C-alpha atoms as a PDB file:
ATOM      1  CA  UNK A   1      -9.800 -18.486   5.171  1.00  0.00           C
ATOM      2  CA  UNK A   2      -9.383 -19.622   1.540  1.00  0.00           C
ATOM      3  CA  UNK A   3      -8.202 -16.841  -0.735  1.00  0.00           C
ATOM      4  CA  UNK A   4      -8.620 -16.358  -4.478  1.00  0.00           C
ATOM      5  CA  UNK A   5      -6.289 -19.199  -5.597  1.00  0.00           C
ATOM      6  CA  UNK A   6      -7.978 -21.736  -3.317  1.00  0.00           C
ATOM      7  CA  UNK A   7     -11.461 -20.723  -4.467  1.00  0.00           C
ATOM      8  CA  UNK A   8     -10.405 -20.730  -8.120  1.00  0.00           C
ATOM      9  CA  UNK A   9      -8.879 -24.194  -7.652  1.00  0.00           C
ATOM     10  CA  UNK A  10     -12.173 -25.502  -6.258  1.00  0.00           C
ATOM     11  CA  UNK A  11     -14.139 -23.849  -9.079  1.00  0.00           C
ATOM     12  CA  UNK A  12     -11.958 -25.496 -11.697  1.00  0.00           C
ATOM     13  CA  UNK A  13     -12.346 -28.829  -9.949  1.00  0.00           C
ATOM     14  CA  UNK A  14     -16.129 -28.531  -9.957  1.00  0.00           C
ATOM     15  CA  UNK A  15     -16.433 -27.539 -13.624  1.00  0.00           C
ATOM     16  CA  UNK A  16     -16.295 -30.987 -15.280  1.00  0.00           C
ATOM     17  CA  UNK A  17     -18.909 -32.390 -12.897  1.00  0.00           C
ATOM     18  CA  UNK A  18     -21.287 -29.408 -12.768  1.00  0.00           C
ATOM     19  CA  UNK A  19     -21.136 -27.212 -15.867  1.00  0.00           C
ATOM     20  CA  UNK A  20     -23.874 -28.281 -18.273  1.00  0.00           C
ATOM     21  CA  UNK A  21     -25.223 -30.863 -15.813  1.00  0.00           C
ATOM     22  CA  UNK A  22     -28.666 -30.970 -14.192  1.00  0.00           C
ATOM     23  CA  UNK A  23     -29.155 -31.084 -10.430  1.00  0.00           C
ATOM     24  CA  UNK A  24     -31.281 -34.224  -9.941  1.00  0.00           C
ATOM     25  CA  UNK A  25     -31.891 -33.511  -6.268  1.00  0.00           C
ATOM     26  CA  UNK A  26     -30.707 -31.100  -3.598  1.00  0.00           C
ATOM     27  CA  UNK A  27     -30.523 -31.997   0.070  1.00  0.00           C
ATOM     28  CA  UNK A  28     -30.287 -29.228   2.655  1.00  0.00           C
ATOM     29  CA  UNK A  29     -29.616 -30.646   6.104  1.00  0.00           C
ATOM     30  CA  UNK A  30     -29.889 -27.560   8.293  1.00  0.00           C
ATOM     31  CA  UNK A  31     -31.570 -24.136   8.108  1.00  0.00           C
ATOM     32  CA  UNK A  32     -28.417 -22.061   7.975  1.00  0.00           C
ATOM     33  CA  UNK A  33     -24.659 -21.728   7.855  1.00  0.00           C
ATOM     34  CA  UNK A  34     -23.253 -18.293   8.671  1.00  0.00           C
ATOM     35  CA  UNK A  35     -26.623 -16.896   7.614  1.00  0.00           C
ATOM     36  CA  UNK A  36     -29.978 -18.592   6.959  1.00  0.00           C
ATOM     37  CA  UNK A  37     -30.346 -20.381   3.632  1.00  0.00           C
ATOM     38  CA  UNK A  38     -32.787 -18.741   1.201  1.00  0.00           C
ATOM     39  CA  UNK A  39     -36.382 -20.001   1.433  1.00  0.00           C
ATOM     40  CA  UNK A  40     -37.027 -23.257  -0.440  1.00  0.00           C
ATOM     41  CA  UNK A  41     -33.422 -23.591  -1.536  1.00  0.00           C
ATOM     42  CA  UNK A  42     -33.577 -27.350  -2.117  1.00  0.00           C
ATOM     43  CA  UNK A  43     -36.697 -27.019  -4.284  1.00  0.00           C
ATOM     44  CA  UNK A  44     -35.271 -24.071  -6.229  1.00  0.00           C
ATOM     45  CA  UNK A  45     -32.089 -26.005  -7.035  1.00  0.00           C
ATOM     46  CA  UNK A  46     -33.674 -29.339  -7.972  1.00  0.00           C
ATOM     47  CA  UNK A  47     -34.104 -29.843 -11.714  1.00  0.00           C
ATOM     48  CA  UNK A  48     -31.959 -26.870 -12.718  1.00  0.00           C
ATOM     49  CA  UNK A  49     -29.106 -27.068 -15.200  1.00  0.00           C
ATOM     50  CA  UNK A  50     -25.823 -25.402 -14.271  1.00  0.00           C
ATOM     51  CA  UNK A  51     -25.153 -23.097 -17.215  1.00  0.00           C
ATOM     52  CA  UNK A  52     -21.799 -21.793 -16.015  1.00  0.00           C
ATOM     53  CA  UNK A  53     -19.558 -21.845 -12.991  1.00  0.00           C
ATOM     54  CA  UNK A  54     -17.611 -18.674 -12.298  1.00  0.00           C
ATOM     55  CA  UNK A  55     -15.756 -16.932  -9.493  1.00  0.00           C
ATOM     56  CA  UNK A  56     -16.098 -13.410  -8.128  1.00  0.00           C
ATOM     57  CA  UNK A  57     -13.495 -12.562  -5.506  1.00  0.00           C
ATOM     58  CA  UNK A  58     -13.675 -15.428  -2.967  1.00  0.00           C
ATOM     59  CA  UNK A  59     -17.156 -16.542  -4.043  1.00  0.00           C
ATOM     60  CA  UNK A  60     -18.163 -19.340  -6.435  1.00  0.00           C
ATOM     61  CA  UNK A  61     -21.192 -18.477  -8.569  1.00  0.00           C
ATOM     62  CA  UNK A  62     -23.233 -21.162 -10.326  1.00  0.00           C
ATOM     63  CA  UNK A  63     -25.599 -19.694 -12.949  1.00  0.00           C
ATOM     64  CA  UNK A  64     -28.717 -21.857 -13.271  1.00  0.00           C
ATOM     65  CA  UNK A  65     -31.279 -22.412 -16.018  1.00  0.00           C
ATOM     66  CA  UNK A  66     -33.951 -20.972 -13.705  1.00  0.00           C
ATOM     67  CA  UNK A  67     -32.431 -17.514 -14.066  1.00  0.00           C
ATOM     68  CA  UNK A  68     -31.015 -17.679 -10.550  1.00  0.00           C
ATOM     69  CA  UNK A  69     -27.406 -17.898  -9.417  1.00  0.00           C
ATOM     70  CA  UNK A  70     -26.195 -19.985  -6.496  1.00  0.00           C
ATOM     71  CA  UNK A  71     -23.573 -18.127  -4.447  1.00  0.00           C
ATOM     72  CA  UNK A  72     -21.141 -20.239  -2.416  1.00  0.00           C
ATOM     73  CA  UNK A  73     -18.590 -19.035   0.123  1.00  0.00           C
ATOM     74  CA  UNK A  74     -16.308 -21.574   1.797  1.00  0.00           C
ATOM     75  CA  UNK A  75     -15.768 -19.631   5.001  1.00  0.00           C
ATOM     76  CA  UNK A  76     -12.996 -20.803   7.311  1.00  0.00           C
ATOM     77  CA  UNK A  77     -13.526 -24.559   7.185  1.00  0.00           C
ATOM     78  CA  UNK A  78     -15.890 -25.183   4.287  1.00  0.00           C
ATOM     79  CA  UNK A  79     -15.010 -27.899   1.761  1.00  0.00           C
ATOM     80  CA  UNK A  80     -16.727 -28.895  -1.464  1.00  0.00           C
ATOM     81  CA  UNK A  81     -16.012 -32.477  -2.471  1.00  0.00           C
ATOM     82  CA  UNK A  82     -16.990 -34.463  -5.548  1.00  0.00           C
ATOM     83  CA  UNK A  83     -17.736 -38.172  -5.691  1.00  0.00           C
ATOM     84  CA  UNK A  84     -19.109 -40.449  -8.402  1.00  0.00           C
ATOM     85  CA  UNK A  85     -17.968 -38.268 -11.282  1.00  0.00           C
ATOM     86  CA  UNK A  86     -18.686 -40.119 -14.563  1.00  0.00           C
ATOM     87  CA  UNK A  87     -15.627 -38.549 -16.203  1.00  0.00           C
ATOM     88  CA  UNK A  88     -13.426 -40.651 -13.958  1.00  0.00           C
ATOM     89  CA  UNK A  89     -11.511 -37.715 -12.526  1.00  0.00           C
ATOM     90  CA  UNK A  90     -12.588 -38.221  -8.931  1.00  0.00           C
ATOM     91  CA  UNK A  91     -13.417 -41.009  -6.467  1.00  0.00           C
ATOM     92  CA  UNK A  92     -16.180 -43.130  -7.997  1.00  0.00           C
ATOM     93  CA  UNK A  93     -17.975 -44.328  -4.869  1.00  0.00           C
ATOM     94  CA  UNK A  94     -20.015 -41.911  -2.803  1.00  0.00           C
ATOM     95  CA  UNK A  95     -18.593 -41.750   0.728  1.00  0.00           C
ATOM     96  CA  UNK A  96     -20.751 -42.272   3.790  1.00  0.00           C
ATOM     97  CA  UNK A  97     -22.509 -39.109   4.939  1.00  0.00           C
ATOM     98  CA  UNK A  98     -20.609 -37.097   7.535  1.00  0.00           C
ATOM     99  CA  UNK A  99     -21.946 -35.016  10.414  1.00  0.00           C
ATOM    100  CA  UNK A 100     -21.150 -31.677   8.773  1.00  0.00           C
ATOM    101  CA  UNK A 101     -22.401 -32.449   5.249  1.00  0.00           C
ATOM    102  CA  UNK A 102     -24.829 -29.534   5.199  1.00  0.00           C
ATOM    103  CA  UNK A 103     -25.741 -29.359   1.504  1.00  0.00           C
ATOM    104  CA  UNK A 104     -25.597 -32.260  -0.964  1.00  0.00           C
ATOM    105  CA  UNK A 105     -26.283 -31.941  -4.702  1.00  0.00           C
ATOM    106  CA  UNK A 106     -26.814 -35.131  -6.699  1.00  0.00           C
ATOM    107  CA  UNK A 107     -26.315 -34.485 -10.400  1.00  0.00           C
ATOM    108  CA  UNK A 108     -28.080 -36.355 -13.197  1.00  0.00           C
ATOM    109  CA  UNK A 109     -24.666 -37.386 -14.546  1.00  0.00           C
ATOM    110  CA  UNK A 110     -23.980 -39.363 -11.351  1.00  0.00           C
ATOM    111  CA  UNK A 111     -21.722 -36.858  -9.628  1.00  0.00           C
ATOM    112  CA  UNK A 112     -22.395 -35.821  -6.048  1.00  0.00           C
ATOM    113  CA  UNK A 113     -21.345 -32.397  -4.783  1.00  0.00           C
ATOM    114  CA  UNK A 114     -21.068 -32.194  -0.985  1.00  0.00           C
ATOM    115  CA  UNK A 115     -20.600 -28.996   1.006  1.00  0.00           C
ATOM    116  CA  UNK A 116     -19.062 -29.871   4.374  1.00  0.00           C
ATOM    117  CA  UNK A 117     -18.441 -27.114   6.919  1.00  0.00           C
ATOM    118  CA  UNK A 118     -17.699 -28.010  10.567  1.00  0.00           C
ATOM    119  CA  UNK A 119     -17.502 -24.404  11.803  1.00  0.00           C
ATOM    120  CA  UNK A 120     -20.429 -23.189   9.693  1.00  0.00           C
ATOM    121  CA  UNK A 121     -18.762 -19.899   8.687  1.00  0.00           C
ATOM    122  CA  UNK A 122     -19.511 -20.606   5.028  1.00  0.00           C
ATOM    123  CA  UNK A 123     -22.540 -19.288   3.181  1.00  0.00           C
ATOM    124  CA  UNK A 124     -24.931 -20.061   0.339  1.00  0.00           C
ATOM    125  CA  UNK A 125     -27.538 -17.849  -1.253  1.00  0.00           C
ATOM    126  CA  UNK A 126     -29.712 -17.655  -4.358  1.00  0.00           C
ATOM    127  CA  UNK A 127     -30.208 -14.475  -6.364  1.00  0.00           C
ATOM    128  CA  UNK A 128     -31.409 -13.364  -9.763  1.00  0.00           C
ATOM    129  CA  UNK A 129     -28.574 -13.843 -12.251  1.00  0.00           C
ATOM    130  CA  UNK A 130     -29.340 -10.576 -14.044  1.00  0.00           C
ATOM    131  CA  UNK A 131     -28.886  -8.679 -10.783  1.00  0.00           C
ATOM    132  CA  UNK A 132     -26.147 -10.783  -9.188  1.00  0.00           C
ATOM    133  CA  UNK A 133     -23.588  -7.979  -9.038  1.00  0.00           C
ATOM    134  CA  UNK A 134     -25.954  -6.002  -6.791  1.00  0.00           C
ATOM    135  CA  UNK A 135     -25.935  -8.717  -4.118  1.00  0.00           C
ATOM    136  CA  UNK A 136     -24.753  -7.233  -0.778  1.00  0.00           C
ATOM    137  CA  UNK A 137     -21.698  -9.516  -0.735  1.00  0.00           C
ATOM    138  CA  UNK A 138     -20.657  -8.536  -4.265  1.00  0.00           C
ATOM    139  CA  UNK A 139     -21.826  -4.962  -4.796  1.00  0.00           C
ATOM    140  CA  UNK A 140     -18.811  -3.136  -3.368  1.00  0.00           C
ATOM    141  CA  UNK A 141     -16.053  -5.409  -4.656  1.00  0.00           C
ATOM    142  CA  UNK A 142     -13.199  -3.945  -6.638  1.00  0.00           C
ATOM    143  CA  UNK A 143     -11.839  -5.368  -9.896  1.00  0.00           C
ATOM    144  CA  UNK A 144     -10.525  -8.906 -10.189  1.00  0.00           C
ATOM    145  CA  UNK A 145      -6.723  -8.979  -9.937  1.00  0.00           C
ATOM    146  CA  UNK A 146      -6.549 -11.398 -12.873  1.00  0.00           C
ATOM    147  CA  UNK A 147      -8.962  -9.337 -14.976  1.00  0.00           C
ATOM    148  CA  UNK A 148      -8.377  -6.556 -17.486  1.00  0.00           C
ATOM    149  CA  UNK A 149      -9.782  -3.815 -15.245  1.00  0.00           C
ATOM    150  CA  UNK A 150      -6.978  -4.337 -12.754  1.00  0.00           C
ATOM    151  CA  UNK A 151      -4.134  -2.582 -14.533  1.00  0.00           C
ATOM    152  CA  UNK A 152      -1.284  -0.258 -13.677  1.00  0.00           C
ATOM    153  CA  UNK A 153      -3.150   3.070 -14.129  1.00  0.00           C
ATOM    154  CA  UNK A 154      -6.048   1.780 -12.013  1.00  0.00           C
ATOM    155  CA  UNK A 155      -3.886   0.706  -9.062  1.00  0.00           C
ATOM    156  CA  UNK A 156      -1.789   3.873  -9.143  1.00  0.00           C
ATOM    157  CA  UNK A 157      -4.967   5.986  -9.025  1.00  0.00           C
ATOM    158  CA  UNK A 158      -6.580   3.794  -6.346  1.00  0.00           C
ATOM    159  CA  UNK A 159      -3.615   4.065  -3.985  1.00  0.00           C
ATOM    160  CA  UNK A 160      -2.777   7.709  -4.588  1.00  0.00           C
ATOM    161  CA  UNK A 161      -3.014   9.714  -1.351  1.00  0.00           C
ATOM    162  CA  UNK A 162      -3.931   6.588   0.653  1.00  0.00           C
ATOM    163  CA  UNK A 163      -2.606   7.009   4.179  1.00  0.00           C
ATOM    164  CA  UNK A 164      -3.078   3.369   5.143  1.00  0.00           C
ATOM    165  CA  UNK A 165      -0.236   0.814   5.022  1.00  0.00           C
ATOM    166  CA  UNK A 166       0.135  -0.814   1.610  1.00  0.00           C
ATOM    167  CA  UNK A 167      -0.678  -4.202   3.160  1.00  0.00           C
ATOM    168  CA  UNK A 168      -4.031  -2.914   4.452  1.00  0.00           C
ATOM    169  CA  UNK A 169      -4.790  -1.168   1.158  1.00  0.00           C
ATOM    170  CA  UNK A 170      -4.298  -4.348  -0.882  1.00  0.00           C
ATOM    171  CA  UNK A 171      -6.484  -6.297   1.549  1.00  0.00           C
ATOM    172  CA  UNK A 172      -9.312  -3.793   1.026  1.00  0.00           C
ATOM    173  CA  UNK A 173     -11.778  -5.705  -1.158  1.00  0.00           C
ATOM    174  CA  UNK A 174     -13.107  -2.410  -2.520  1.00  0.00           C
ATOM    175  CA  UNK A 175      -9.709  -1.747  -4.107  1.00  0.00           C
ATOM    176  CA  UNK A 176      -8.994  -5.234  -5.420  1.00  0.00           C
ATOM    177  CA  UNK A 177     -11.173  -8.321  -4.991  1.00  0.00           C
ATOM    178  CA  UNK A 178      -9.996 -11.660  -3.690  1.00  0.00           C
ATOM    179  CA  UNK A 179      -6.589 -10.833  -2.243  1.00  0.00           C
ATOM    180  CA  UNK A 180      -5.940 -12.110   1.270  1.00  0.00           C
ATOM    181  CA  UNK A 181      -3.207 -12.105   3.851  1.00  0.00           C
ATOM    182  CA  UNK A 182      -1.042 -14.861   2.384  1.00  0.00           C
ATOM    183  CA  UNK A 183      -0.754 -13.600  -1.167  1.00  0.00           C
ATOM    184  CA  UNK A 184      -0.392  -9.934  -0.259  1.00  0.00           C
ATOM    185  CA  UNK A 185       2.595 -10.871   1.936  1.00  0.00           C
ATOM    186  CA  UNK A 186       4.097 -12.873  -0.930  1.00  0.00           C
ATOM    187  CA  UNK A 187       3.466 -10.168  -3.541  1.00  0.00           C
ATOM    188  CA  UNK A 188       4.989  -7.428  -1.397  1.00  0.00           C
ATOM    189  CA  UNK A 189       8.088  -9.570  -0.862  1.00  0.00           C
ATOM    190  CA  UNK A 190       8.543 -10.076  -4.606  1.00  0.00           C
ATOM    191  CA  UNK A 191       8.071  -6.336  -5.115  1.00  0.00           C
ATOM    192  CA  UNK A 192      10.572  -5.466  -2.364  1.00  0.00           C
ATOM    193  CA  UNK A 193       7.995  -3.267  -0.609  1.00  0.00           C
ATOM    194  CA  UNK A 194       7.568  -3.257   3.157  1.00  0.00           C
ATOM    195  CA  UNK A 195       3.996  -3.967   4.326  1.00  0.00           C
ATOM    196  CA  UNK A 196       4.437  -1.054   6.734  1.00  0.00           C
ATOM    197  CA  UNK A 197       4.908   1.580   4.020  1.00  0.00           C
ATOM    198  CA  UNK A 198       2.089   4.071   3.570  1.00  0.00           C
ATOM    199  CA  UNK A 199       0.427   3.298   0.246  1.00  0.00           C
ATOM    200  CA  UNK A 200       0.258   6.918  -0.871  1.00  0.00           C
ATOM    201  CA  UNK A 201       3.990   7.424  -0.320  1.00  0.00           C
ATOM    202  CA  UNK A 202       5.100   4.646  -2.645  1.00  0.00           C
ATOM    203  CA  UNK A 203       6.152   5.867  -6.073  1.00  0.00           C
ATOM    204  CA  UNK A 204       3.781   5.351  -8.987  1.00  0.00           C
ATOM    205  CA  UNK A 205       6.456   3.257 -10.701  1.00  0.00           C
ATOM    206  CA  UNK A 206       6.677   0.811  -7.780  1.00  0.00           C
ATOM    207  CA  UNK A 207       2.886   0.644  -7.391  1.00  0.00           C
ATOM    208  CA  UNK A 208       2.493  -0.074 -11.114  1.00  0.00           C
ATOM    209  CA  UNK A 209       5.055  -2.881 -10.829  1.00  0.00           C
ATOM    210  CA  UNK A 210       2.830  -4.548  -8.227  1.00  0.00           C
ATOM    211  CA  UNK A 211       0.172  -5.399 -10.827  1.00  0.00           C
ATOM    212  CA  UNK A 212       2.120  -8.078 -12.774  1.00  0.00           C
ATOM    213  CA  UNK A 213       3.674  -9.321  -9.527  1.00  0.00           C
ATOM    214  CA  UNK A 214       0.265  -9.857  -7.912  1.00  0.00           C
ATOM    215  CA  UNK A 215      -0.925 -11.697 -11.004  1.00  0.00           C
ATOM    216  CA  UNK A 216       2.181 -13.875 -11.055  1.00  0.00           C
ATOM    217  CA  UNK A 217       1.825 -14.824  -7.381  1.00  0.00           C
ATOM    218  CA  UNK A 218      -1.844 -15.743  -7.845  1.00  0.00           C
ATOM    219  CA  UNK A 219      -1.204 -17.743 -11.020  1.00  0.00           C
ATOM    220  CA  UNK A 220       1.669 -19.611  -9.372  1.00  0.00           C
ATOM    221  CA  UNK A 221      -0.589 -20.494  -6.450  1.00  0.00           C
ATOM    222  CA  UNK A 222      -3.435 -21.655  -8.719  1.00  0.00           C
ATOM    223  CA  UNK A 223      -1.044 -23.896 -10.645  1.00  0.00           C
ATOM    224  CA  UNK A 224       0.047 -25.401  -7.323  1.00  0.00           C
ATOM    225  CA  UNK A 225      -3.568 -26.068  -6.324  1.00  0.00           C
ATOM    226  CA  UNK A 226      -3.636 -23.325  -3.717  1.00  0.00           C
ATOM    227  CA  UNK A 227      -2.133 -23.403  -0.237  1.00  0.00           C
ATOM    228  CA  UNK A 228      -3.282 -26.081   2.196  1.00  0.00           C
ATOM    229  CA  UNK A 229      -3.321 -24.490   5.634  1.00  0.00           C
ATOM    230  CA  UNK A 230      -5.454 -26.376   8.146  1.00  0.00           C
ATOM    231  CA  UNK A 231      -8.778 -27.210   6.493  1.00  0.00           C
ATOM    232  CA  UNK A 232      -8.408 -26.434   2.796  1.00  0.00           C
ATOM    233  CA  UNK A 233      -8.799 -29.243   0.265  1.00  0.00           C
ATOM    234  CA  UNK A 234      -9.321 -29.191  -3.479  1.00  0.00           C
ATOM    235  CA  UNK A 235     -12.594 -30.492  -4.914  1.00  0.00           C
ATOM    236  CA  UNK A 236     -11.061 -33.937  -5.409  1.00  0.00           C
ATOM    237  CA  UNK A 237      -9.922 -34.041  -1.786  1.00  0.00           C
ATOM    238  CA  UNK A 238      -6.252 -33.392  -2.583  1.00  0.00           C
ATOM    239  CA  UNK A 239      -4.073 -30.845  -0.806  1.00  0.00           C
ATOM    240  CA  UNK A 240      -2.698 -27.722  -2.443  1.00  0.00           C
ATOM    241  CA  UNK A 241       1.060 -27.287  -2.445  1.00  0.00           C
ATOM    242  CA  UNK A 242       1.881 -23.578  -2.824  1.00  0.00           C
ATOM    243  CA  UNK A 243       2.691 -23.343   0.900  1.00  0.00           C
ATOM    244  CA  UNK A 244       5.956 -25.125   0.087  1.00  0.00           C
ATOM    245  CA  UNK A 245       6.875 -22.128  -2.096  1.00  0.00           C
ATOM    246  CA  UNK A 246       6.195 -19.382   0.444  1.00  0.00           C
ATOM    247  CA  UNK A 247       8.983 -16.803   0.494  1.00  0.00           C
ATOM    248  CA  UNK A 248       7.888 -15.068   3.691  1.00  0.00           C
ATOM    249  CA  UNK A 249       4.447 -16.174   4.882  1.00  0.00           C
ATOM    250  CA  UNK A 250       4.627 -18.231   8.097  1.00  0.00           C
ATOM    251  CA  UNK A 251       8.469 -18.216   7.944  1.00  0.00           C
ATOM    252  CA  UNK A 252       9.211 -15.990  10.947  1.00  0.00           C
ATOM    253  CA  UNK A 253      12.896 -16.103  11.844  1.00  0.00           C
ATOM    254  CA  UNK A 254      13.909 -17.990   8.690  1.00  0.00           C
ATOM    255  CA  UNK A 255      16.596 -16.632   6.346  1.00  0.00           C
ATOM    256  CA  UNK A 256      15.399 -14.339   3.565  1.00  0.00           C
ATOM    257  CA  UNK A 257      15.177 -16.180   0.252  1.00  0.00           C
ATOM    258  CA  UNK A 258      16.175 -13.207  -1.889  1.00  0.00           C
ATOM    259  CA  UNK A 259      19.595 -13.880  -3.401  1.00  0.00           C
ATOM    260  CA  UNK A 260      22.316 -12.036  -1.547  1.00  0.00           C
ATOM    261  CA  UNK A 261      20.056 -10.741   1.246  1.00  0.00           C
ATOM    262  CA  UNK A 262      21.435 -11.418   4.755  1.00  0.00           C
ATOM    263  CA  UNK A 263      18.122 -10.655   6.498  1.00  0.00           C
ATOM    264  CA  UNK A 264      15.615 -12.864   8.263  1.00  0.00           C
ATOM    265  CA  UNK A 265      11.835 -12.952   7.981  1.00  0.00           C
ATOM    266  CA  UNK A 266      10.020 -10.903  10.603  1.00  0.00           C
ATOM    267  CA  UNK A 267       6.415 -11.016  11.768  1.00  0.00           C
ATOM    268  CA  UNK A 268       4.407  -7.981  12.827  1.00  0.00           C
ATOM    269  CA  UNK A 269       0.696  -7.654  13.545  1.00  0.00           C
ATOM    270  CA  UNK A 270      -1.288  -5.245  11.384  1.00  0.00           C
ATOM    271  CA  UNK A 271      -5.011  -4.797  12.004  1.00  0.00           C
ATOM    272  CA  UNK A 272      -5.097  -8.095  13.854  1.00  0.00           C
ATOM    273  CA  UNK A 273      -3.322 -10.048  11.084  1.00  0.00           C
ATOM    274  CA  UNK A 274       0.237 -11.298  10.889  1.00  0.00           C
ATOM    275  CA  UNK A 275       2.455  -9.689   8.266  1.00  0.00           C
ATOM    276  CA  UNK A 276       5.616 -11.518   7.274  1.00  0.00           C
ATOM    277  CA  UNK A 277       8.421  -9.627   5.557  1.00  0.00           C
ATOM    278  CA  UNK A 278      12.168  -9.055   5.362  1.00  0.00           C
ATOM    279  CA  UNK A 279      13.051  -5.673   6.837  1.00  0.00           C
ATOM    280  CA  UNK A 280      16.424  -5.804   5.104  1.00  0.00           C
ATOM    281  CA  UNK A 281      15.290  -5.955   1.477  1.00  0.00           C
ATOM    282  CA  UNK A 282      11.675  -4.775   1.681  1.00  0.00           C
ATOM    283  CA  UNK A 283      11.577  -0.995   1.826  1.00  0.00           C
END
């Protein structure tokens, strides 16, 4: 499932075609994805100007002139593609419609935004902008890891006395929003912390050091356009490339990349997810 860097990459790709533009028409080709679409979604979107395009955790939020916000979640196989962008940054011709093009937005500026989702695990919803943070999918989210509220004192306090493994704690969206399996594995490797360590038993100094490391990993991934594993594509259809920079993720049995470390990358299963780490240098 796309994590924060992949979603942020898509958001940035959509900005030049959507922000400030009016939705000329909205086409909704089925009644639902993971959940039913909100009533009259096509009508409620048509004619609205996109005032801003932002991200909260793994969700894209489009604030509209109607006072509503469109929430978009890519799910496991969802893709948002742009065609016909008048700024010349994307493919000019609109492609032929595909079987899984479930929502299509034609913008007044000539751009077309297509949400394609073969597995239909994605989601879209409409909510009042003024009350967006109370939406059930957003209400319990922790701070953004790239935001000011995610700082060293916060993380130290959040993990104090936690008896869960540090990997599980960082995946808890109530503690920090948007982190997923890939980037937690990579951050813990850079920090030299084993994913098996109990969060509450890690020193405050080492926990505090995780904050800039997490930010660095996420920023590196965003600059690389995210990680293309299976279905993910950027908004212009291109692949992301951060997977070529993985230190541990999906590298089971490979030599550790930390200078001077003789260890190999191991894989263990934690809460149904694979954790990749070097048992030699991650303690």
